[in-house]
Amino acid sequence: MPALYDLAELHHVGIVADDVEAAAAALNRLYDLDVTVFAESEFTCRIDGVLQRTVQRMGLSAGPPHVELLRTVPGSPIWQPSPTGIHHLGFVADDVAAVSAELARRGARLWMAGGDGGVAPGACYHRDPLGQIVEVLSRATADRLAARYDEHRRHCPGRPGVA
């Protein structure tokens, strides 16, 4: 069976935290990272088939692979801190829909998709039988995240962890 994706395509390790600014500061201090909280966005998605509107605050480190920080969303089944610290693994794919279909065929159920219920062209999330969450994101989405990070770093040099 061919590999679904190359581990070299690991784009990020996602961590969900109640306070992303404090988490960024702790990661930067402990591990000499440069996680910068830079974005807040509102989006609509389907989680387990239920339409939800979410406002998400996020941060990213230099990379890849990046450390991605996401804020806890109260009441959401997906945006909750993991007891192990790592919430999800994010992989880049040339064809998000094809990789998503293959993950589903292999037993990792589609957990979060686009607002229309289909696989969003930019990213989707699956949950495997072991409970691990895997995000599949397009190269364009990965490039947009990196560009937003780089733009913030240009305008706020020397201020990691602050948007």
C-alpha atoms as a PDB file:
ATOM      1  CA  MET A   1       0.000   0.000   0.000  1.00  0.00           C
ATOM      2  CA  PRO A   2       1.498   3.404  -0.938  1.00  0.00           C
ATOM      3  CA  ALA A   3       2.082   5.963   1.805  1.00  0.00           C
ATOM      4  CA  LEU A   4      -0.841   8.320   2.303  1.00  0.00           C
ATOM      5  CA  TYR A   5       1.518  11.226   2.890  1.00  0.00           C
ATOM      6  CA  ASP A   6       5.195  11.711   3.492  1.00  0.00           C
ATOM      7  CA  LEU A   7       6.134  12.462   7.105  1.00  0.00           C
ATOM      8  CA  ALA A   8       8.436  15.091   5.633  1.00  0.00           C
ATOM      9  CA  GLU A   9       5.197  16.932   4.793  1.00  0.00           C
ATOM     10  CA  LEU A  10       4.382  17.401   8.494  1.00  0.00           C
ATOM     11  CA  HIS A  11       3.416  21.058   8.542  1.00  0.00           C
ATOM     12  CA  HIS A  12       2.608  21.539  12.213  1.00  0.00           C
ATOM     13  CA  VAL A  13       1.842  20.112  15.607  1.00  0.00           C
ATOM     14  CA  GLY A  14      -1.350  21.711  16.919  1.00  0.00           C
ATOM     15  CA  ILE A  15      -1.831  22.595  20.586  1.00  0.00           C
ATOM     16  CA  VAL A  16      -5.064  23.985  22.052  1.00  0.00           C
ATOM     17  CA  ALA A  17      -4.758  26.220  25.123  1.00  0.00           C
ATOM     18  CA  ASP A  18      -7.126  28.361  27.183  1.00  0.00           C
ATOM     19  CA  ASP A  19      -4.739  31.336  26.972  1.00  0.00           C
ATOM     20  CA  VAL A  20      -2.765  31.302  23.721  1.00  0.00           C
ATOM     21  CA  GLU A  21      -0.667  34.320  24.656  1.00  0.00           C
ATOM     22  CA  ALA A  22       0.470  32.683  27.922  1.00  0.00           C
ATOM     23  CA  ALA A  23       1.054  29.379  26.115  1.00  0.00           C
ATOM     24  CA  ALA A  24       3.143  31.141  23.450  1.00  0.00           C
ATOM     25  CA  ALA A  25       5.220  32.868  26.129  1.00  0.00           C
ATOM     26  CA  ALA A  26       5.773  29.562  27.963  1.00  0.00           C
ATOM     27  CA  LEU A  27       6.766  27.674  24.799  1.00  0.00           C
ATOM     28  CA  ASN A  28       9.082  30.494  23.757  1.00  0.00           C
ATOM     29  CA  ARG A  29      10.739  30.586  27.195  1.00  0.00           C
ATOM     30  CA  LEU A  30      10.984  26.817  27.672  1.00  0.00           C
ATOM     31  CA  TYR A  31      11.996  25.721  24.189  1.00  0.00           C
ATOM     32  CA  ASP A  32      13.464  28.874  22.635  1.00  0.00           C
ATOM     33  CA  LEU A  33      10.713  28.960  20.011  1.00  0.00           C
ATOM     34  CA  ASP A  34       9.278  32.043  18.381  1.00  0.00           C
ATOM     35  CA  VAL A  35       5.556  31.276  18.572  1.00  0.00           C
ATOM     36  CA  THR A  36       3.669  34.449  17.686  1.00  0.00           C
ATOM     37  CA  VAL A  37      -0.067  34.881  18.247  1.00  0.00           C
ATOM     38  CA  PHE A  38      -1.171  36.793  15.173  1.00  0.00           C
ATOM     39  CA  ALA A  39      -4.594  35.889  13.887  1.00  0.00           C
ATOM     40  CA  GLU A  40      -8.202  35.801  14.908  1.00  0.00           C
ATOM     41  CA  SER A  41     -10.666  34.504  12.384  1.00  0.00           C
ATOM     42  CA  GLU A  42     -14.306  33.540  12.227  1.00  0.00           C
ATOM     43  CA  PHE A  43     -15.378  30.555  10.185  1.00  0.00           C
ATOM     44  CA  THR A  44     -18.244  28.122   9.696  1.00  0.00           C
ATOM     45  CA  CYS A  45     -17.640  24.392   9.650  1.00  0.00           C
ATOM     46  CA  ARG A  46     -19.368  21.100  10.314  1.00  0.00           C
ATOM     47  CA  ILE A  47     -18.170  19.087  13.284  1.00  0.00           C
ATOM     48  CA  ASP A  48     -19.674  15.600  13.348  1.00  0.00           C
ATOM     49  CA  GLY A  49     -22.224  16.897  10.850  1.00  0.00           C
ATOM     50  CA  VAL A  50     -23.379  19.825  13.022  1.00  0.00           C
ATOM     51  CA  LEU A  51     -22.985  23.311  11.537  1.00  0.00           C
ATOM     52  CA  GLN A  52     -20.993  25.559  13.889  1.00  0.00           C
ATOM     53  CA  ARG A  53     -19.684  29.104  13.730  1.00  0.00           C
ATOM     54  CA  THR A  54     -16.385  29.586  15.525  1.00  0.00           C
ATOM     55  CA  VAL A  55     -14.078  32.474  16.308  1.00  0.00           C
ATOM     56  CA  GLN A  56     -10.546  31.159  16.614  1.00  0.00           C
ATOM     57  CA  ARG A  57      -7.386  32.896  17.838  1.00  0.00           C
ATOM     58  CA  MET A  58      -4.162  31.309  16.708  1.00  0.00           C
ATOM     59  CA  GLY A  59      -0.402  31.527  16.758  1.00  0.00           C
ATOM     60  CA  LEU A  60       2.371  29.878  14.796  1.00  0.00           C
ATOM     61  CA  SER A  61       6.109  29.365  15.163  1.00  0.00           C
ATOM     62  CA  ALA A  62       8.721  29.443  12.433  1.00  0.00           C
ATOM     63  CA  GLY A  63       8.945  26.231  10.476  1.00  0.00           C
ATOM     64  CA  PRO A  64       7.957  23.889   9.028  1.00  0.00           C
ATOM     65  CA  PRO A  65       7.311  22.008  11.036  1.00  0.00           C
ATOM     66  CA  HIS A  66       5.489  24.695  12.984  1.00  0.00           C
ATOM     67  CA  VAL A  67       3.975  24.722  16.429  1.00  0.00           C
ATOM     68  CA  GLU A  68       0.391  25.940  15.977  1.00  0.00           C
ATOM     69  CA  LEU A  69      -1.477  27.314  18.985  1.00  0.00           C
ATOM     70  CA  LEU A  70      -5.270  27.530  18.971  1.00  0.00           C
ATOM     71  CA  ARG A  71      -7.527  28.999  21.628  1.00  0.00           C
ATOM     72  CA  THR A  72      -9.983  26.778  23.497  1.00  0.00           C
ATOM     73  CA  VAL A  73     -13.556  27.317  22.281  1.00  0.00           C
ATOM     74  CA  PRO A  74     -15.969  26.621  25.163  1.00  0.00           C
ATOM     75  CA  GLY A  75     -18.650  24.108  24.224  1.00  0.00           C
ATOM     76  CA  SER A  76     -16.895  22.988  21.039  1.00  0.00           C
ATOM     77  CA  PRO A  77     -16.198  19.268  20.763  1.00  0.00           C
ATOM     78  CA  ILE A  78     -13.001  19.864  18.786  1.00  0.00           C
ATOM     79  CA  TRP A  79     -11.276  22.983  20.151  1.00  0.00           C
ATOM     80  CA  GLN A  80     -10.432  21.621  23.599  1.00  0.00           C
ATOM     81  CA  PRO A  81      -6.987  21.075  25.149  1.00  0.00           C
ATOM     82  CA  SER A  82      -5.641  17.537  24.900  1.00  0.00           C
ATOM     83  CA  PRO A  83      -4.507  15.815  28.094  1.00  0.00           C
ATOM     84  CA  THR A  84      -1.288  14.895  26.262  1.00  0.00           C
ATOM     85  CA  GLY A  85      -0.675  18.452  25.084  1.00  0.00           C
ATOM     86  CA  ILE A  86      -0.721  17.632  21.374  1.00  0.00           C
ATOM     87  CA  HIS A  87      -4.155  18.254  19.877  1.00  0.00           C
ATOM     88  CA  HIS A  88      -3.501  17.324  16.247  1.00  0.00           C
ATOM     89  CA  LEU A  89      -0.930  16.723  13.531  1.00  0.00           C
ATOM     90  CA  GLY A  90      -1.240  18.825  10.391  1.00  0.00           C
ATOM     91  CA  PHE A  91      -0.042  17.456   7.050  1.00  0.00           C
ATOM     92  CA  VAL A  92       0.172  19.251   3.708  1.00  0.00           C
ATOM     93  CA  ALA A  93      -1.443  17.543   0.715  1.00  0.00           C
ATOM     94  CA  ASP A  94      -1.668  18.402  -2.959  1.00  0.00           C
ATOM     95  CA  ASP A  95      -5.254  17.094  -3.092  1.00  0.00           C
ATOM     96  CA  VAL A  96      -7.082  17.539   0.236  1.00  0.00           C
ATOM     97  CA  ALA A  97     -10.257  15.815  -0.980  1.00  0.00           C
ATOM     98  CA  ALA A  98      -8.389  12.732  -2.249  1.00  0.00           C
ATOM     99  CA  VAL A  99      -6.351  12.339   0.953  1.00  0.00           C
ATOM    100  CA  SER A 100      -9.503  12.884   3.028  1.00  0.00           C
ATOM    101  CA  ALA A 101     -11.360  10.191   1.079  1.00  0.00           C
ATOM    102  CA  GLU A 102      -8.464   7.766   1.530  1.00  0.00           C
ATOM    103  CA  LEU A 103      -8.262   8.475   5.280  1.00  0.00           C
ATOM    104  CA  ALA A 104     -11.996   7.760   5.556  1.00  0.00           C
ATOM    105  CA  ARG A 105     -11.604   4.565   3.544  1.00  0.00           C
ATOM    106  CA  ARG A 106      -8.867   3.450   5.942  1.00  0.00           C
ATOM    107  CA  GLY A 107     -11.023   4.081   9.004  1.00  0.00           C
ATOM    108  CA  ALA A 108     -10.269   7.663  10.088  1.00  0.00           C
ATOM    109  CA  ARG A 109     -13.660   9.340  10.131  1.00  0.00           C
ATOM    110  CA  LEU A 110     -14.115  12.844   8.782  1.00  0.00           C
ATOM    111  CA  TRP A 111     -14.608  14.918  11.904  1.00  0.00           C
ATOM    112  CA  MET A 112     -14.507  18.536  10.771  1.00  0.00           C
ATOM    113  CA  ALA A 113     -15.329  19.656   7.259  1.00  0.00           C
ATOM    114  CA  GLY A 114     -16.420  22.735   5.367  1.00  0.00           C
ATOM    115  CA  GLY A 115     -19.652  24.504   6.236  1.00  0.00           C
ATOM    116  CA  ASP A 116     -21.433  22.830   3.323  1.00  0.00           C
ATOM    117  CA  GLY A 117     -20.657  19.391   4.777  1.00  0.00           C
ATOM    118  CA  GLY A 118     -18.121  18.601   2.092  1.00  0.00           C
ATOM    119  CA  VAL A 119     -14.384  18.600   2.447  1.00  0.00           C
ATOM    120  CA  ALA A 120     -13.224  22.209   2.472  1.00  0.00           C
ATOM    121  CA  PRO A 121     -10.639  22.848  -0.243  1.00  0.00           C
ATOM    122  CA  GLY A 122      -8.222  24.329   2.309  1.00  0.00           C
ATOM    123  CA  ALA A 123      -8.348  21.865   5.196  1.00  0.00           C
ATOM    124  CA  CYS A 124     -10.273  19.137   6.980  1.00  0.00           C
ATOM    125  CA  TYR A 125      -9.856  17.107  10.156  1.00  0.00           C
ATOM    126  CA  HIS A 126     -10.138  13.358  10.675  1.00  0.00           C
ATOM    127  CA  ARG A 127     -10.142  11.332  13.872  1.00  0.00           C
ATOM    128  CA  ASP A 128      -8.480   7.937  13.640  1.00  0.00           C
ATOM    129  CA  PRO A 129      -9.515   4.792  15.552  1.00  0.00           C
ATOM    130  CA  LEU A 130      -6.864   5.562  18.213  1.00  0.00           C
ATOM    131  CA  GLY A 131      -8.389   8.994  18.811  1.00  0.00           C
ATOM    132  CA  GLN A 132      -5.615  11.005  17.129  1.00  0.00           C
ATOM    133  CA  ILE A 133      -6.783  14.045  15.181  1.00  0.00           C
ATOM    134  CA  VAL A 134      -5.155  14.607  11.791  1.00  0.00           C
ATOM    135  CA  GLU A 135      -5.549  17.817   9.806  1.00  0.00           C
ATOM    136  CA  VAL A 136      -5.039  17.714   6.055  1.00  0.00           C
ATOM    137  CA  LEU A 137      -4.335  21.158   4.633  1.00  0.00           C
ATOM    138  CA  SER A 138      -3.642  22.369   1.139  1.00  0.00           C
ATOM    139  CA  ARG A 139      -0.331  23.882   0.135  1.00  0.00           C
ATOM    140  CA  ALA A 140      -2.154  27.163  -0.513  1.00  0.00           C
ATOM    141  CA  THR A 141      -3.516  27.178   3.055  1.00  0.00           C
ATOM    142  CA  ALA A 142      -0.080  26.327   4.468  1.00  0.00           C
ATOM    143  CA  ASP A 143       1.469  29.113   2.385  1.00  0.00           C
ATOM    144  CA  ARG A 144      -1.179  31.625   3.573  1.00  0.00           C
ATOM    145  CA  LEU A 145      -0.470  30.765   7.218  1.00  0.00           C
ATOM    146  CA  ALA A 146       3.269  31.185   6.680  1.00  0.00           C
ATOM    147  CA  ALA A 147       2.745  34.514   4.893  1.00  0.00           C
ATOM    148  CA  ARG A 148       0.567  35.845   7.741  1.00  0.00           C
ATOM    149  CA  TYR A 149       3.199  34.764  10.249  1.00  0.00           C
ATOM    150  CA  ASP A 150       6.014  36.384   8.225  1.00  0.00           C
ATOM    151  CA  GLU A 151       4.021  39.603   7.779  1.00  0.00           C
ATOM    152  CA  HIS A 152       3.368  39.852  11.508  1.00  0.00           C
ATOM    153  CA  ARG A 153       7.045  39.214  12.315  1.00  0.00           C
ATOM    154  CA  ARG A 154       8.080  42.015   9.908  1.00  0.00           C
ATOM    155  CA  HIS A 155       5.745  44.495  11.612  1.00  0.00           C
ATOM    156  CA  CYS A 156       6.397  43.343  15.193  1.00  0.00           C
ATOM    157  CA  PRO A 157      10.071  42.347  15.348  1.00  0.00           C
ATOM    158  CA  GLY A 158      11.309  41.272  18.737  1.00  0.00           C
ATOM    159  CA  ARG A 159       7.820  40.753  20.108  1.00  0.00           C
ATOM    160  CA  PRO A 160       7.203  36.991  19.989  1.00  0.00           C
ATOM    161  CA  GLY A 161       3.978  35.838  21.557  1.00  0.00           C
ATOM    162  CA  VAL A 162       2.182  39.161  21.061  1.00  0.00           C
ATOM    163  CA  ALA A 163      -0.262  40.128  18.335  1.00  0.00           C
END
